[in-house]
C-alpha cells in the first residue's frame, strides 16, 4: 500500500493535532444544489 511522506512530516502532524476543532454548521442561504446530496466541497 502506498504511503504519503514528505519533509518535516512529523512536525506537520503534530501541528495538525494541535489545531482547534470546530464543527461545521450548514448555512442554507449560502448553499447551492441538492441539499440531500452527500458530496460536499468546503472552501475555507
N, C-alpha and C. Protein backbone atom coordinates (compact mmCIF):
# COMPACT_ATOMS: atom_id res chain seq x y z
N UNK A 1 0.84 -1.17 0.00
CA UNK A 1 0.00 0.00 0.00
C UNK A 1 0.89 1.24 0.00
N UNK A 2 0.64 2.21 -0.89
CA UNK A 2 1.45 3.44 -0.93
C UNK A 2 1.18 4.32 0.30
N UNK A 3 2.22 4.99 0.77
CA UNK A 3 2.11 5.89 1.90
C UNK A 3 2.60 7.28 1.47
N UNK A 4 1.97 8.33 2.01
CA UNK A 4 2.44 9.68 1.75
C UNK A 4 3.56 10.02 2.72
N UNK A 5 4.62 10.62 2.21
CA UNK A 5 5.74 11.01 3.05
C UNK A 5 6.32 12.30 2.50
N UNK A 6 6.72 13.21 3.39
CA UNK A 6 7.31 14.47 2.96
C UNK A 6 8.24 14.98 4.06
N UNK A 7 9.05 16.00 3.71
CA UNK A 7 9.96 16.58 4.69
C UNK A 7 9.18 17.18 5.85
N UNK A 8 9.67 17.01 7.05
CA UNK A 8 9.05 17.56 8.26
C UNK A 8 7.63 17.04 8.50
N UNK A 9 7.36 15.82 8.08
CA UNK A 9 6.02 15.25 8.24
C UNK A 9 5.63 15.15 9.71
N UNK A 10 6.57 14.74 10.56
CA UNK A 10 6.25 14.62 11.99
C UNK A 10 5.82 15.96 12.58
N UNK A 11 6.52 17.02 12.21
CA UNK A 11 6.17 18.36 12.70
C UNK A 11 4.79 18.76 12.18
N UNK A 12 4.49 18.50 10.92
CA UNK A 12 3.19 18.85 10.35
C UNK A 12 2.06 18.09 11.03
N UNK A 13 2.27 16.82 11.33
CA UNK A 13 1.24 16.02 12.01
C UNK A 13 1.01 16.54 13.42
N UNK A 14 2.09 16.91 14.11
CA UNK A 14 1.96 17.47 15.46
C UNK A 14 1.17 18.77 15.44
N UNK A 15 1.48 19.65 14.50
CA UNK A 15 0.75 20.92 14.39
C UNK A 15 -0.71 20.70 14.04
N UNK A 16 -0.99 19.75 13.17
CA UNK A 16 -2.37 19.46 12.80
C UNK A 16 -3.16 18.94 13.99
N UNK A 17 -2.52 18.14 14.83
CA UNK A 17 -3.20 17.62 16.02
C UNK A 17 -3.46 18.70 17.06
N UNK A 18 -2.70 19.79 17.04
CA UNK A 18 -2.87 20.87 18.00
C UNK A 18 -3.85 21.93 17.52
N UNK A 19 -4.29 21.86 16.28
CA UNK A 19 -5.22 22.86 15.73
C UNK A 19 -6.58 22.72 16.42
N UNK A 20 -7.24 23.85 16.72
CA UNK A 20 -8.54 23.77 17.38
C UNK A 20 -9.58 23.11 16.48
N UNK A 21 -10.49 22.40 17.10
CA UNK A 21 -11.55 21.68 16.40
C UNK A 21 -12.81 22.52 16.38
N UNK A 22 -13.41 22.68 15.22
CA UNK A 22 -14.69 23.39 15.11
C UNK A 22 -15.62 22.57 14.24
N UNK A 23 -16.80 22.33 14.74
CA UNK A 23 -17.81 21.61 13.98
C UNK A 23 -18.41 22.57 12.96
N UNK A 24 -18.46 22.14 11.70
CA UNK A 24 -19.03 22.99 10.66
C UNK A 24 -20.55 22.99 10.75
N UNK A 25 -21.14 24.16 10.63
CA UNK A 25 -22.59 24.31 10.66
C UNK A 25 -23.06 24.70 9.25
N UNK A 26 -24.11 24.07 8.74
CA UNK A 26 -24.61 24.44 7.41
C UNK A 26 -25.23 25.84 7.43
N UNK A 27 -25.04 26.57 6.34
CA UNK A 27 -25.64 27.89 6.16
C UNK A 27 -26.48 27.81 4.88
N UNK A 28 -27.80 27.53 5.03
CA UNK A 28 -28.64 27.28 3.86
C UNK A 28 -28.63 28.40 2.83
N UNK A 29 -28.55 29.67 3.25
CA UNK A 29 -28.59 30.77 2.28
C UNK A 29 -27.32 30.82 1.42
N UNK A 30 -26.24 30.18 1.87
CA UNK A 30 -25.00 30.14 1.09
C UNK A 30 -24.84 28.82 0.33
N UNK A 31 -25.79 27.91 0.49
CA UNK A 31 -25.70 26.60 -0.14
C UNK A 31 -26.35 26.61 -1.51
N UNK A 32 -25.85 25.76 -2.39
CA UNK A 32 -26.43 25.59 -3.72
C UNK A 32 -26.56 24.10 -3.99
N UNK A 33 -27.44 23.74 -4.91
CA UNK A 33 -27.58 22.34 -5.29
C UNK A 33 -28.56 21.59 -4.42
N UNK A 34 -28.55 20.29 -4.56
CA UNK A 34 -29.46 19.39 -3.85
C UNK A 34 -29.03 19.26 -2.39
N UNK A 35 -29.86 19.68 -1.43
CA UNK A 35 -29.46 19.59 -0.02
C UNK A 35 -29.34 18.15 0.49
N UNK A 36 -29.91 17.17 -0.23
CA UNK A 36 -29.84 15.77 0.20
C UNK A 36 -28.63 15.04 -0.37
N UNK A 37 -27.82 15.73 -1.16
CA UNK A 37 -26.63 15.13 -1.74
C UNK A 37 -25.55 14.99 -0.66
N UNK A 38 -24.86 13.86 -0.60
CA UNK A 38 -23.84 13.62 0.43
C UNK A 38 -22.46 14.17 0.04
N UNK A 39 -22.28 14.64 -1.20
CA UNK A 39 -21.00 15.20 -1.62
C UNK A 39 -20.89 16.64 -1.18
N UNK A 40 -19.72 17.05 -0.69
CA UNK A 40 -19.52 18.43 -0.24
C UNK A 40 -18.18 18.96 -0.74
N UNK A 41 -18.18 20.25 -1.03
CA UNK A 41 -16.94 20.96 -1.33
C UNK A 41 -16.87 22.08 -0.29
N UNK A 42 -15.86 22.05 0.56
CA UNK A 42 -15.74 23.02 1.64
C UNK A 42 -14.52 23.89 1.33
N UNK A 43 -14.77 25.19 1.23
CA UNK A 43 -13.71 26.15 0.93
C UNK A 43 -13.50 27.00 2.16
N UNK A 44 -12.30 27.08 2.65
CA UNK A 44 -12.08 27.88 3.85
C UNK A 44 -10.67 28.36 3.97
